Amino acid sequence: MKSMTLKTGLLLSTVTTALALSFGAAQAQDRNITMAVSIPAATHGWTGGVVYHAEQAEKEIEAAFPNIDVVLSTASSATAQVSSLEDLSSTRKLDALVILPFTSEELTGPVAQVKEKGTFIAVVDRGLADPSIQDLYVAGDNIAVGANTATWLSDKLGGEGEIVVLRGIPTVIDDERIKGFSDVIGKTKIKILDIQYANWNQDEAFKLMQDYLAKYPKIDAVWANDDDMLLGVIEAVDQAGRKDIKYALGGNGMKQVIEMVKEGDERTPVSTPYPPSMIKSAMYMTAAQFAGQAPMRGSFLLGAPLITPENADQFYFPESPF
């Protein structure tokens, strides 16, 4: 698949929105199209943003393309998403499925079964264990998320020190972020004291960080991998009164964290973007595949430049739910 890196999620969303709307209802096909959209429920801030943008896209696509019926389904767990997917595929003919898998391994088989029925598959963010299943893939550059953060951190620590890391949930994107980060850190004298899953959850991150603080009397920095987890980390550090932690970094561009960056917070002076609006981009691209007869196949990666006080305004959207 051809990979195209775009500077920001906003650019990709703007391009695909313009592409889809340019066809208009006049280009509608003779038959009705059913596009199922399967996403995680709002279990944390980022997925809350995904739900918001998916709901907006559903309304906009159905208004622009009267022959496309968007069926949106949310799930609170991988098991629930598998069950929902089975119900969707057994009760109607799905022309397209846009899915953000709750976890990679558990959803790969069920999505493959839908694919066997001739359904166009668009995967967003958390890739499947078998990428050959997907026709379209839209995600952020997770390798760059980890690598760019690690490069900045290594520079600020002078290439040495002791840090702890919090992982998300077992998915392809978490693996990629950790690889990007670890590959850079592995070339320095920085030691990763501990690395455990906190499931992209603020409360779980708070508890895990408490464990880290109790276990390690000196920690130079923390990479939380995600802004929801970062908030839990900061709360734990503040409650413990620990002053040794120079930097606490996350990622994803949550507006609360962008505000910290804008204000020049000494402990969290940078972040990386990973917009939940990518679900909207994928839905529009899938609509264009059918309503516009425009082949939309390939892998589209959104760039992950560092967000700094100097450019933070470009990534700050106060009206966004995330």
C-alpha atoms as a PDB file:
ATOM      1  CA  MET A   1       0.000   0.000   0.000  1.00  0.00           C
ATOM      2  CA  LYS A   2       1.125   3.533  -0.715  1.00  0.00           C
ATOM      3  CA  SER A   3       1.737   5.564   2.406  1.00  0.00           C
ATOM      4  CA  MET A   4       1.166   9.303   2.490  1.00  0.00           C
ATOM      5  CA  THR A   5       2.200  11.392   5.475  1.00  0.00           C
ATOM      6  CA  LEU A   6       0.268  14.599   6.051  1.00  0.00           C
ATOM      7  CA  LYS A   7       1.303  17.366   8.404  1.00  0.00           C
ATOM      8  CA  THR A   8      -1.772  17.365  10.606  1.00  0.00           C
ATOM      9  CA  GLY A   9      -5.074  15.597  11.115  1.00  0.00           C
ATOM     10  CA  LEU A  10      -6.808  18.869  10.314  1.00  0.00           C
ATOM     11  CA  LEU A  11      -5.296  18.879   6.828  1.00  0.00           C
ATOM     12  CA  LEU A  12      -6.372  15.301   6.111  1.00  0.00           C
ATOM     13  CA  SER A  13      -9.875  15.994   7.428  1.00  0.00           C
ATOM     14  CA  THR A  14     -10.159  19.140   5.302  1.00  0.00           C
ATOM     15  CA  VAL A  15      -8.956  17.387   2.143  1.00  0.00           C
ATOM     16  CA  THR A  16     -11.244  14.380   2.482  1.00  0.00           C
ATOM     17  CA  THR A  17     -14.242  16.499   3.461  1.00  0.00           C
ATOM     18  CA  ALA A  18     -13.781  18.675   0.406  1.00  0.00           C
ATOM     19  CA  LEU A  19     -13.291  15.577  -1.764  1.00  0.00           C
ATOM     20  CA  ALA A  20     -16.459  13.910  -0.580  1.00  0.00           C
ATOM     21  CA  LEU A  21     -18.709  16.958  -0.635  1.00  0.00           C
ATOM     22  CA  SER A  22     -17.534  17.930  -4.110  1.00  0.00           C
ATOM     23  CA  PHE A  23     -19.381  14.963  -5.582  1.00  0.00           C
ATOM     24  CA  GLY A  24     -22.730  16.001  -4.129  1.00  0.00           C
ATOM     25  CA  ALA A  25     -25.977  14.140  -4.197  1.00  0.00           C
ATOM     26  CA  ALA A  26     -26.029  14.320  -8.001  1.00  0.00           C
ATOM     27  CA  GLN A  27     -23.293  11.692  -8.113  1.00  0.00           C
ATOM     28  CA  ALA A  28     -25.234   9.238  -5.960  1.00  0.00           C
ATOM     29  CA  GLN A  29     -25.345   5.672  -7.190  1.00  0.00           C
ATOM     30  CA  ASP A  30     -28.525   3.895  -8.227  1.00  0.00           C
ATOM     31  CA  ARG A  31     -28.514   1.590  -5.222  1.00  0.00           C
ATOM     32  CA  ASN A  32     -28.406   2.326  -1.525  1.00  0.00           C
ATOM     33  CA  ILE A  33     -25.136   1.893   0.327  1.00  0.00           C
ATOM     34  CA  THR A  34     -24.813   0.745   3.930  1.00  0.00           C
ATOM     35  CA  MET A  35     -21.720   1.939   5.764  1.00  0.00           C
ATOM     36  CA  ALA A  36     -21.277   0.480   9.244  1.00  0.00           C
ATOM     37  CA  VAL A  37     -19.033   2.365  11.669  1.00  0.00           C
ATOM     38  CA  SER A  38     -17.800   0.430  14.696  1.00  0.00           C
ATOM     39  CA  ILE A  39     -15.860   2.339  17.358  1.00  0.00           C
ATOM     40  CA  PRO A  40     -15.058   2.116  21.073  1.00  0.00           C
ATOM     41  CA  ALA A  41     -17.380   3.922  23.463  1.00  0.00           C
ATOM     42  CA  ALA A  42     -16.117   7.047  25.229  1.00  0.00           C
ATOM     43  CA  THR A  43     -14.017   5.139  27.763  1.00  0.00           C
ATOM     44  CA  HIS A  44     -11.505   8.014  27.980  1.00  0.00           C
ATOM     45  CA  GLY A  45     -10.989  11.489  26.572  1.00  0.00           C
ATOM     46  CA  TRP A  46      -9.592  10.519  23.179  1.00  0.00           C
ATOM     47  CA  THR A  47     -12.317   8.005  22.395  1.00  0.00           C
ATOM     48  CA  GLY A  48     -14.847  10.590  23.571  1.00  0.00           C
ATOM     49  CA  GLY A  49     -13.499  12.764  20.775  1.00  0.00           C
ATOM     50  CA  VAL A  50     -13.785   9.830  18.339  1.00  0.00           C
ATOM     51  CA  VAL A  51     -17.472   9.366  19.195  1.00  0.00           C
ATOM     52  CA  TYR A  52     -18.123  13.095  18.805  1.00  0.00           C
ATOM     53  CA  HIS A  53     -16.512  13.299  15.357  1.00  0.00           C
ATOM     54  CA  ALA A  54     -18.123  10.045  14.174  1.00  0.00           C
ATOM     55  CA  GLU A  55     -21.570  11.359  15.106  1.00  0.00           C
ATOM     56  CA  GLN A  56     -20.883  14.602  13.247  1.00  0.00           C
ATOM     57  CA  ALA A  57     -19.677  12.711  10.164  1.00  0.00           C
ATOM     58  CA  GLU A  58     -22.740  10.454  10.227  1.00  0.00           C
ATOM     59  CA  LYS A  59     -25.066  13.473   9.965  1.00  0.00           C
ATOM     60  CA  GLU A  60     -22.981  15.223   7.325  1.00  0.00           C
ATOM     61  CA  ILE A  61     -22.506  12.183   5.073  1.00  0.00           C
ATOM     62  CA  GLU A  62     -26.158  11.204   5.124  1.00  0.00           C
ATOM     63  CA  ALA A  63     -27.105  14.802   4.268  1.00  0.00           C
ATOM     64  CA  ALA A  64     -24.584  14.976   1.423  1.00  0.00           C
ATOM     65  CA  PHE A  65     -25.236  11.478   0.069  1.00  0.00           C
ATOM     66  CA  PRO A  66     -28.908  10.440   0.415  1.00  0.00           C
ATOM     67  CA  ASN A  67     -28.153   6.919  -0.823  1.00  0.00           C
ATOM     68  CA  ILE A  68     -25.656   6.221   1.990  1.00  0.00           C
ATOM     69  CA  ASP A  69     -26.992   4.918   5.275  1.00  0.00           C
ATOM     70  CA  VAL A  70     -24.446   5.238   8.072  1.00  0.00           C
ATOM     71  CA  VAL A  71     -24.971   2.783  10.941  1.00  0.00           C
ATOM     72  CA  LEU A  72     -22.926   3.860  13.947  1.00  0.00           C
ATOM     73  CA  SER A  73     -22.167   1.416  16.771  1.00  0.00           C
ATOM     74  CA  THR A  74     -20.110   1.934  19.938  1.00  0.00           C
ATOM     75  CA  ALA A  75     -18.749  -0.753  22.255  1.00  0.00           C
ATOM     76  CA  SER A  76     -17.349  -0.649  25.784  1.00  0.00           C
ATOM     77  CA  SER A  77     -14.990  -3.624  25.319  1.00  0.00           C
ATOM     78  CA  ALA A  78     -13.409  -5.797  22.654  1.00  0.00           C
ATOM     79  CA  THR A  79     -15.910  -8.570  23.413  1.00  0.00           C
ATOM     80  CA  ALA A  80     -18.821  -6.155  23.034  1.00  0.00           C
ATOM     81  CA  GLN A  81     -17.404  -4.870  19.747  1.00  0.00           C
ATOM     82  CA  VAL A  82     -17.089  -8.399  18.361  1.00  0.00           C
ATOM     83  CA  SER A  83     -20.705  -9.107  19.321  1.00  0.00           C
ATOM     84  CA  SER A  84     -21.892  -5.829  17.803  1.00  0.00           C
ATOM     85  CA  LEU A  85     -19.992  -6.551  14.596  1.00  0.00           C
ATOM     86  CA  GLU A  86     -21.569  -9.998  14.323  1.00  0.00           C
ATOM     87  CA  ASP A  87     -25.031  -8.469  14.757  1.00  0.00           C
ATOM     88  CA  LEU A  88     -24.362  -5.798  12.130  1.00  0.00           C
ATOM     89  CA  SER A  89     -23.097  -8.241   9.511  1.00  0.00           C
ATOM     90  CA  SER A  90     -25.800 -10.843  10.109  1.00  0.00           C
ATOM     91  CA  THR A  91     -28.793  -8.477   9.945  1.00  0.00           C
ATOM     92  CA  ARG A  92     -27.875  -6.447   6.851  1.00  0.00           C
ATOM     93  CA  LYS A  93     -25.598  -6.367   3.822  1.00  0.00           C
ATOM     94  CA  LEU A  94     -22.652  -4.136   4.628  1.00  0.00           C
ATOM     95  CA  ASP A  95     -21.089  -2.403   1.661  1.00  0.00           C
ATOM     96  CA  ALA A  96     -18.440  -0.838   3.872  1.00  0.00           C
ATOM     97  CA  LEU A  97     -17.152  -1.132   7.407  1.00  0.00           C
ATOM     98  CA  VAL A  98     -15.195   1.647   9.063  1.00  0.00           C
ATOM     99  CA  ILE A  99     -13.753   0.251  12.260  1.00  0.00           C
ATOM    100  CA  LEU A 100     -11.537   1.504  15.045  1.00  0.00           C
ATOM    101  CA  PRO A 101     -10.747  -1.813  16.760  1.00  0.00           C
ATOM    102  CA  PHE A 102     -10.938  -1.916  20.538  1.00  0.00           C
ATOM    103  CA  THR A 103      -7.947  -4.256  20.454  1.00  0.00           C
ATOM    104  CA  SER A 104      -6.018  -5.543  17.466  1.00  0.00           C
ATOM    105  CA  GLU A 105      -5.863  -9.293  18.066  1.00  0.00           C
ATOM    106  CA  GLU A 106      -9.474  -9.869  19.156  1.00  0.00           C
ATOM    107  CA  LEU A 107     -11.008  -7.946  16.250  1.00  0.00           C
ATOM    108  CA  THR A 108      -8.845  -9.306  13.438  1.00  0.00           C
ATOM    109  CA  GLY A 109     -10.796 -12.556  12.959  1.00  0.00           C
ATOM    110  CA  PRO A 110     -14.284 -10.990  13.117  1.00  0.00           C
ATOM    111  CA  VAL A 111     -13.320  -8.241  10.667  1.00  0.00           C
ATOM    112  CA  ALA A 112     -11.826 -10.838   8.314  1.00  0.00           C
ATOM    113  CA  GLN A 113     -15.184 -12.644   8.321  1.00  0.00           C
ATOM    114  CA  VAL A 114     -16.938  -9.430   7.304  1.00  0.00           C
ATOM    115  CA  LYS A 115     -14.350  -8.890   4.575  1.00  0.00           C
ATOM    116  CA  GLU A 116     -15.091 -12.351   3.128  1.00  0.00           C
ATOM    117  CA  LYS A 117     -18.613 -11.149   2.339  1.00  0.00           C
ATOM    118  CA  GLY A 118     -17.230  -8.535  -0.052  1.00  0.00           C
ATOM    119  CA  THR A 119     -17.319  -5.600   2.353  1.00  0.00           C
ATOM    120  CA  PHE A 120     -14.943  -2.670   1.876  1.00  0.00           C
ATOM    121  CA  ILE A 121     -12.856  -2.427   5.074  1.00  0.00           C
ATOM    122  CA  ALA A 122     -11.492   0.858   6.407  1.00  0.00           C
ATOM    123  CA  VAL A 123      -9.441   0.515   9.595  1.00  0.00           C
ATOM    124  CA  VAL A 124      -8.709   3.527  11.774  1.00  0.00           C
ATOM    125  CA  ASP A 125      -5.992   4.044  14.366  1.00  0.00           C
ATOM    126  CA  ARG A 126      -5.591   0.660  16.088  1.00  0.00           C
ATOM    127  CA  GLY A 127      -4.543  -1.581  13.231  1.00  0.00           C
ATOM    128  CA  LEU A 128      -5.519  -5.220  12.826  1.00  0.00           C
ATOM    129  CA  ALA A 129      -3.022  -8.014  13.436  1.00  0.00           C
ATOM    130  CA  ASP A 130      -3.333  -8.862   9.714  1.00  0.00           C
ATOM    131  CA  PRO A 131      -3.144  -5.640   7.688  1.00  0.00           C
ATOM    132  CA  SER A 132      -3.967  -7.450   4.439  1.00  0.00           C
ATOM    133  CA  ILE A 133      -7.627  -7.431   5.527  1.00  0.00           C
ATOM    134  CA  GLN A 134      -7.975  -3.668   5.192  1.00  0.00           C
ATOM    135  CA  ASP A 135      -8.628  -1.725   1.983  1.00  0.00           C
ATOM    136  CA  LEU A 136      -7.997   1.601   3.664  1.00  0.00           C
ATOM    137  CA  TYR A 137      -5.998   2.513   6.756  1.00  0.00           C
ATOM    138  CA  VAL A 138      -6.034   5.939   8.425  1.00  0.00           C
ATOM    139  CA  ALA A 139      -3.934   6.601  11.497  1.00  0.00           C
ATOM    140  CA  GLY A 140      -1.356   8.823  13.101  1.00  0.00           C
ATOM    141  CA  ASP A 141       2.343   8.071  12.729  1.00  0.00           C
ATOM    142  CA  ASN A 142       2.789   6.273  16.032  1.00  0.00           C
ATOM    143  CA  ILE A 143       6.446   5.478  15.437  1.00  0.00           C
ATOM    144  CA  ALA A 144       7.029   9.230  15.124  1.00  0.00           C
ATOM    145  CA  VAL A 145       4.950   9.933  18.246  1.00  0.00           C
ATOM    146  CA  GLY A 146       7.341   7.803  20.284  1.00  0.00           C
ATOM    147  CA  ALA A 147      10.540   8.732  18.451  1.00  0.00           C
ATOM    148  CA  ASN A 148       9.967  12.490  18.443  1.00  0.00           C
ATOM    149  CA  THR A 149       9.130  12.477  22.147  1.00  0.00           C
ATOM    150  CA  ALA A 150      12.192  10.366  22.964  1.00  0.00           C
ATOM    151  CA  THR A 151      14.493  12.570  20.900  1.00  0.00           C
ATOM    152  CA  TRP A 152      13.308  15.690  22.705  1.00  0.00           C
ATOM    153  CA  LEU A 153      13.542  14.014  26.117  1.00  0.00           C
ATOM    154  CA  SER A 154      17.022  12.643  25.452  1.00  0.00           C
ATOM    155  CA  ASP A 155      18.228  16.084  24.457  1.00  0.00           C
ATOM    156  CA  LYS A 156      16.805  17.699  27.610  1.00  0.00           C
ATOM    157  CA  LEU A 157      18.271  15.002  29.887  1.00  0.00           C
ATOM    158  CA  GLY A 158      21.651  15.142  28.199  1.00  0.00           C
ATOM    159  CA  GLY A 159      21.364  11.545  27.041  1.00  0.00           C
ATOM    160  CA  GLU A 160      21.356  10.030  30.521  1.00  0.00           C
ATOM    161  CA  GLY A 161      19.038   9.491  33.473  1.00  0.00           C
ATOM    162  CA  GLU A 162      16.335   7.163  34.763  1.00  0.00           C
ATOM    163  CA  ILE A 163      12.765   7.180  33.495  1.00  0.00           C
ATOM    164  CA  VAL A 164       9.519   5.216  33.718  1.00  0.00           C
ATOM    165  CA  VAL A 165       7.033   4.540  30.915  1.00  0.00           C
ATOM    166  CA  LEU A 166       3.293   3.824  30.885  1.00  0.00           C
ATOM    167  CA  ARG A 167       1.844   1.757  28.045  1.00  0.00           C
ATOM    168  CA  GLY A 168      -1.706   1.948  26.688  1.00  0.00           C
ATOM    169  CA  ILE A 169      -3.576  -1.247  25.797  1.00  0.00           C
ATOM    170  CA  PRO A 170      -2.276  -4.211  23.734  1.00  0.00           C
ATOM    171  CA  THR A 171      -2.690  -2.819  20.225  1.00  0.00           C
ATOM    172  CA  VAL A 172      -0.579  -2.250  17.150  1.00  0.00           C
ATOM    173  CA  ILE A 173      -0.413   1.495  17.775  1.00  0.00           C
ATOM    174  CA  ASP A 174       0.818   1.041  21.334  1.00  0.00           C
ATOM    175  CA  ASP A 175       3.495  -1.346  20.064  1.00  0.00           C
ATOM    176  CA  GLU A 176       4.525   1.222  17.461  1.00  0.00           C
ATOM    177  CA  ARG A 177       4.730   4.071  19.949  1.00  0.00           C
ATOM    178  CA  ILE A 178       6.843   2.008  22.326  1.00  0.00           C
ATOM    179  CA  LYS A 179       9.111   0.887  19.471  1.00  0.00           C
ATOM    180  CA  GLY A 180       9.656   4.450  18.268  1.00  0.00           C
ATOM    181  CA  PHE A 181      10.435   5.601  21.793  1.00  0.00           C
ATOM    182  CA  SER A 182      12.604   2.632  22.775  1.00  0.00           C
ATOM    183  CA  ASP A 183      14.655   2.686  19.578  1.00  0.00           C
ATOM    184  CA  VAL A 184      15.748   6.240  20.320  1.00  0.00           C
ATOM    185  CA  ILE A 185      16.260   5.750  24.058  1.00  0.00           C
ATOM    186  CA  GLY A 186      18.247   2.577  23.364  1.00  0.00           C
ATOM    187  CA  LYS A 187      20.939   4.683  21.696  1.00  0.00           C
ATOM    188  CA  THR A 188      21.447   6.756  24.856  1.00  0.00           C
ATOM    189  CA  LYS A 189      22.516   6.140  28.439  1.00  0.00           C
ATOM    190  CA  ILE A 190      18.954   6.689  29.668  1.00  0.00           C
ATOM    191  CA  LYS A 191      17.629   3.709  31.656  1.00  0.00           C
ATOM    192  CA  ILE A 192      13.959   2.705  31.529  1.00  0.00           C
ATOM    193  CA  LEU A 193      13.320   1.615  35.117  1.00  0.00           C
ATOM    194  CA  ASP A 194       9.859   0.210  34.488  1.00  0.00           C
ATOM    195  CA  ILE A 195       7.253  -0.066  31.740  1.00  0.00           C
ATOM    196  CA  GLN A 196       3.714  -1.352  32.372  1.00  0.00           C
ATOM    197  CA  TYR A 197       0.205  -1.057  30.924  1.00  0.00           C
ATOM    198  CA  ALA A 198      -2.243   1.516  32.282  1.00  0.00           C
ATOM    199  CA  ASN A 199      -4.783   1.045  29.470  1.00  0.00           C
ATOM    200  CA  TRP A 200      -4.965   4.707  28.411  1.00  0.00           C
ATOM    201  CA  ASN A 201      -6.964   5.341  31.558  1.00  0.00           C
ATOM    202  CA  GLN A 202      -6.380   8.255  33.921  1.00  0.00           C
ATOM    203  CA  ASP A 203      -7.310   6.375  37.097  1.00  0.00           C
ATOM    204  CA  GLU A 204      -5.181   3.355  36.222  1.00  0.00           C
ATOM    205  CA  ALA A 205      -2.279   5.638  35.354  1.00  0.00           C
ATOM    206  CA  PHE A 206      -2.634   7.369  38.726  1.00  0.00           C
ATOM    207  CA  LYS A 207      -2.409   4.033  40.547  1.00  0.00           C
ATOM    208  CA  LEU A 208       0.496   2.779  38.434  1.00  0.00           C
ATOM    209  CA  MET A 209       2.403   6.008  38.955  1.00  0.00           C
ATOM    210  CA  GLN A 210       1.868   5.691  42.694  1.00  0.00           C
ATOM    211  CA  ASP A 211       3.497   2.249  42.466  1.00  0.00           C
ATOM    212  CA  TYR A 212       6.393   3.660  40.465  1.00  0.00           C
ATOM    213  CA  LEU A 213       6.910   6.447  42.998  1.00  0.00           C
ATOM    214  CA  ALA A 214       6.930   4.004  45.896  1.00  0.00           C
ATOM    215  CA  LYS A 215       9.323   1.663  44.099  1.00  0.00           C
ATOM    216  CA  TYR A 216      11.832   4.166  42.711  1.00  0.00           C
ATOM    217  CA  PRO A 217      13.277   6.938  44.933  1.00  0.00           C
ATOM    218  CA  LYS A 218      14.659   8.803  41.909  1.00  0.00           C
ATOM    219  CA  ILE A 219      12.910   9.268  38.584  1.00  0.00           C
ATOM    220  CA  ASP A 220      14.109  11.888  36.127  1.00  0.00           C
ATOM    221  CA  ALA A 221      11.150  11.780  33.733  1.00  0.00           C
ATOM    222  CA  VAL A 222       7.932   9.981  32.830  1.00  0.00           C
ATOM    223  CA  TRP A 223       6.506   9.199  29.419  1.00  0.00           C
ATOM    224  CA  ALA A 224       2.813   8.415  29.720  1.00  0.00           C
ATOM    225  CA  ASN A 225       2.251   7.613  26.011  1.00  0.00           C
ATOM    226  CA  ASP A 226      -1.150   9.351  26.130  1.00  0.00           C
ATOM    227  CA  ASP A 227      -2.601  12.554  27.620  1.00  0.00           C
ATOM    228  CA  ASP A 228      -5.354  10.830  29.609  1.00  0.00           C
ATOM    229  CA  MET A 229      -2.689   8.806  31.390  1.00  0.00           C
ATOM    230  CA  LEU A 230      -0.508  11.901  31.733  1.00  0.00           C
ATOM    231  CA  LEU A 231      -3.143  13.616  33.858  1.00  0.00           C
ATOM    232  CA  GLY A 232      -3.175  10.634  36.225  1.00  0.00           C
ATOM    233  CA  VAL A 233       0.627  10.689  36.383  1.00  0.00           C
ATOM    234  CA  ILE A 234       0.740  14.391  37.232  1.00  0.00           C
ATOM    235  CA  GLU A 235      -1.864  13.952  39.962  1.00  0.00           C
ATOM    236  CA  ALA A 236       0.126  11.132  41.557  1.00  0.00           C
ATOM    237  CA  VAL A 237       3.398  13.082  41.385  1.00  0.00           C
ATOM    238  CA  ASP A 238       1.810  16.191  42.883  1.00  0.00           C
ATOM    239  CA  GLN A 239       0.175  14.250  45.696  1.00  0.00           C
ATOM    240  CA  ALA A 240       3.505  12.615  46.524  1.00  0.00           C
ATOM    241  CA  GLY A 241       5.287  15.954  46.449  1.00  0.00           C
ATOM    242  CA  ARG A 242       8.078  14.512  44.310  1.00  0.00           C
ATOM    243  CA  LYS A 243      10.422  17.193  42.967  1.00  0.00           C
ATOM    244  CA  ASP A 244      12.941  14.910  41.229  1.00  0.00           C
ATOM    245  CA  ILE A 245      10.759  14.399  38.146  1.00  0.00           C
ATOM    246  CA  LYS A 246      11.869  17.013  35.649  1.00  0.00           C
ATOM    247  CA  TYR A 247       9.498  16.097  32.817  1.00  0.00           C
ATOM    248  CA  ALA A 248       6.129  14.363  32.535  1.00  0.00           C
ATOM    249  CA  LEU A 249       5.105  13.887  28.901  1.00  0.00           C
ATOM    250  CA  GLY A 250       2.113  12.345  27.198  1.00  0.00           C
ATOM    251  CA  GLY A 251       0.790  12.656  23.652  1.00  0.00           C
ATOM    252  CA  ASN A 252      -2.409  12.975  21.532  1.00  0.00           C
ATOM    253  CA  GLY A 253      -2.943  16.726  21.838  1.00  0.00           C
ATOM    254  CA  MET A 254      -5.674  16.888  24.499  1.00  0.00           C
ATOM    255  CA  LYS A 255      -6.738  20.519  24.789  1.00  0.00           C
ATOM    256  CA  GLN A 256      -6.033  20.568  28.542  1.00  0.00           C
ATOM    257  CA  VAL A 257      -2.451  19.491  27.859  1.00  0.00           C
ATOM    258  CA  ILE A 258      -2.105  21.923  24.949  1.00  0.00           C
ATOM    259  CA  GLU A 259      -3.084  24.665  27.396  1.00  0.00           C
ATOM    260  CA  MET A 260      -0.208  23.556  29.630  1.00  0.00           C
ATOM    261  CA  VAL A 261       2.169  23.706  26.686  1.00  0.00           C
ATOM    262  CA  LYS A 262       0.867  27.130  25.638  1.00  0.00           C
ATOM    263  CA  GLU A 263       1.470  28.433  29.155  1.00  0.00           C
ATOM    264  CA  GLY A 264       5.054  27.152  29.148  1.00  0.00           C
ATOM    265  CA  ASP A 265       4.594  24.519  31.851  1.00  0.00           C
ATOM    266  CA  GLU A 266       8.102  23.497  32.931  1.00  0.00           C
ATOM    267  CA  ARG A 267       7.221  19.844  33.500  1.00  0.00           C
ATOM    268  CA  THR A 268       5.063  19.385  30.395  1.00  0.00           C
ATOM    269  CA  PRO A 269       6.455  21.796  27.808  1.00  0.00           C
ATOM    270  CA  VAL A 270       5.751  19.670  24.701  1.00  0.00           C
ATOM    271  CA  SER A 271       3.237  17.185  23.316  1.00  0.00           C
ATOM    272  CA  THR A 272       2.460  15.427  20.015  1.00  0.00           C
ATOM    273  CA  PRO A 273      -0.795  15.483  17.984  1.00  0.00           C
ATOM    274  CA  TYR A 274      -3.010  12.475  17.399  1.00  0.00           C
ATOM    275  CA  PRO A 275      -6.443  13.890  16.476  1.00  0.00           C
ATOM    276  CA  PRO A 276      -9.581  11.807  17.137  1.00  0.00           C
ATOM    277  CA  SER A 277     -11.075  13.486  14.062  1.00  0.00           C
ATOM    278  CA  MET A 278      -9.214  10.901  11.980  1.00  0.00           C
ATOM    279  CA  ILE A 279     -12.386   8.772  12.239  1.00  0.00           C
ATOM    280  CA  LYS A 280     -14.205  11.493  10.326  1.00  0.00           C
ATOM    281  CA  SER A 281     -11.528  11.510   7.642  1.00  0.00           C
ATOM    282  CA  ALA A 282     -11.854   7.740   7.211  1.00  0.00           C
ATOM    283  CA  MET A 283     -15.648   7.930   6.979  1.00  0.00           C
ATOM    284  CA  TYR A 284     -15.515  10.619   4.289  1.00  0.00           C
ATOM    285  CA  MET A 285     -12.888   8.730   2.319  1.00  0.00           C
ATOM    286  CA  THR A 286     -15.033   5.600   2.468  1.00  0.00           C
ATOM    287  CA  ALA A 287     -18.080   7.566   1.315  1.00  0.00           C
ATOM    288  CA  ALA A 288     -16.077   8.888  -1.620  1.00  0.00           C
ATOM    289  CA  GLN A 289     -15.191   5.293  -2.567  1.00  0.00           C
ATOM    290  CA  PHE A 290     -18.891   4.643  -3.242  1.00  0.00           C
ATOM    291  CA  ALA A 291     -20.687   7.927  -3.874  1.00  0.00           C
ATOM    292  CA  GLY A 292     -17.946   9.478  -5.952  1.00  0.00           C
ATOM    293  CA  GLN A 293     -16.527   6.405  -7.680  1.00  0.00           C
ATOM    294  CA  ALA A 294     -13.146   7.605  -6.420  1.00  0.00           C
ATOM    295  CA  PRO A 295     -10.764   4.767  -5.481  1.00  0.00           C
ATOM    296  CA  MET A 296      -9.779   5.356  -1.857  1.00  0.00           C
ATOM    297  CA  ARG A 297      -7.370   2.567  -1.069  1.00  0.00           C
ATOM    298  CA  GLY A 298      -4.069   2.760   0.710  1.00  0.00           C
ATOM    299  CA  SER A 299      -2.464   3.779   3.959  1.00  0.00           C
ATOM    300  CA  PHE A 300      -2.704   7.368   5.121  1.00  0.00           C
ATOM    301  CA  LEU A 301      -0.527   8.446   8.054  1.00  0.00           C
ATOM    302  CA  LEU A 302      -0.861  11.776   9.848  1.00  0.00           C
ATOM    303  CA  GLY A 303       2.367  13.469  10.909  1.00  0.00           C
ATOM    304  CA  ALA A 304       3.377  13.823  14.569  1.00  0.00           C
ATOM    305  CA  PRO A 305       5.464  16.979  14.931  1.00  0.00           C
ATOM    306  CA  LEU A 306       6.276  18.216  18.420  1.00  0.00           C
ATOM    307  CA  ILE A 307       3.754  20.676  19.812  1.00  0.00           C
ATOM    308  CA  THR A 308       5.654  23.495  21.504  1.00  0.00           C
ATOM    309  CA  PRO A 309       4.721  26.875  23.010  1.00  0.00           C
ATOM    310  CA  GLU A 310       5.639  28.437  19.674  1.00  0.00           C
ATOM    311  CA  ASN A 311       3.199  26.405  17.553  1.00  0.00           C
ATOM    312  CA  ALA A 312       0.623  25.266  20.144  1.00  0.00           C
ATOM    313  CA  ASP A 313      -2.086  27.590  18.790  1.00  0.00           C
ATOM    314  CA  GLN A 314      -2.135  25.542  15.575  1.00  0.00           C
ATOM    315  CA  PHE A 315      -3.216  22.464  17.548  1.00  0.00           C
ATOM    316  CA  TYR A 316      -5.550  24.092  20.079  1.00  0.00           C
ATOM    317  CA  PHE A 317      -9.299  23.725  19.506  1.00  0.00           C
ATOM    318  CA  PRO A 318     -11.174  24.938  22.606  1.00  0.00           C
ATOM    319  CA  GLU A 319     -14.575  23.765  21.328  1.00  0.00           C
ATOM    320  CA  SER A 320     -13.395  20.192  20.843  1.00  0.00           C
ATOM    321  CA  PRO A 321     -14.463  17.581  23.415  1.00  0.00           C
ATOM    322  CA  PHE A 322     -10.840  16.426  23.592  1.00  0.00           C
END
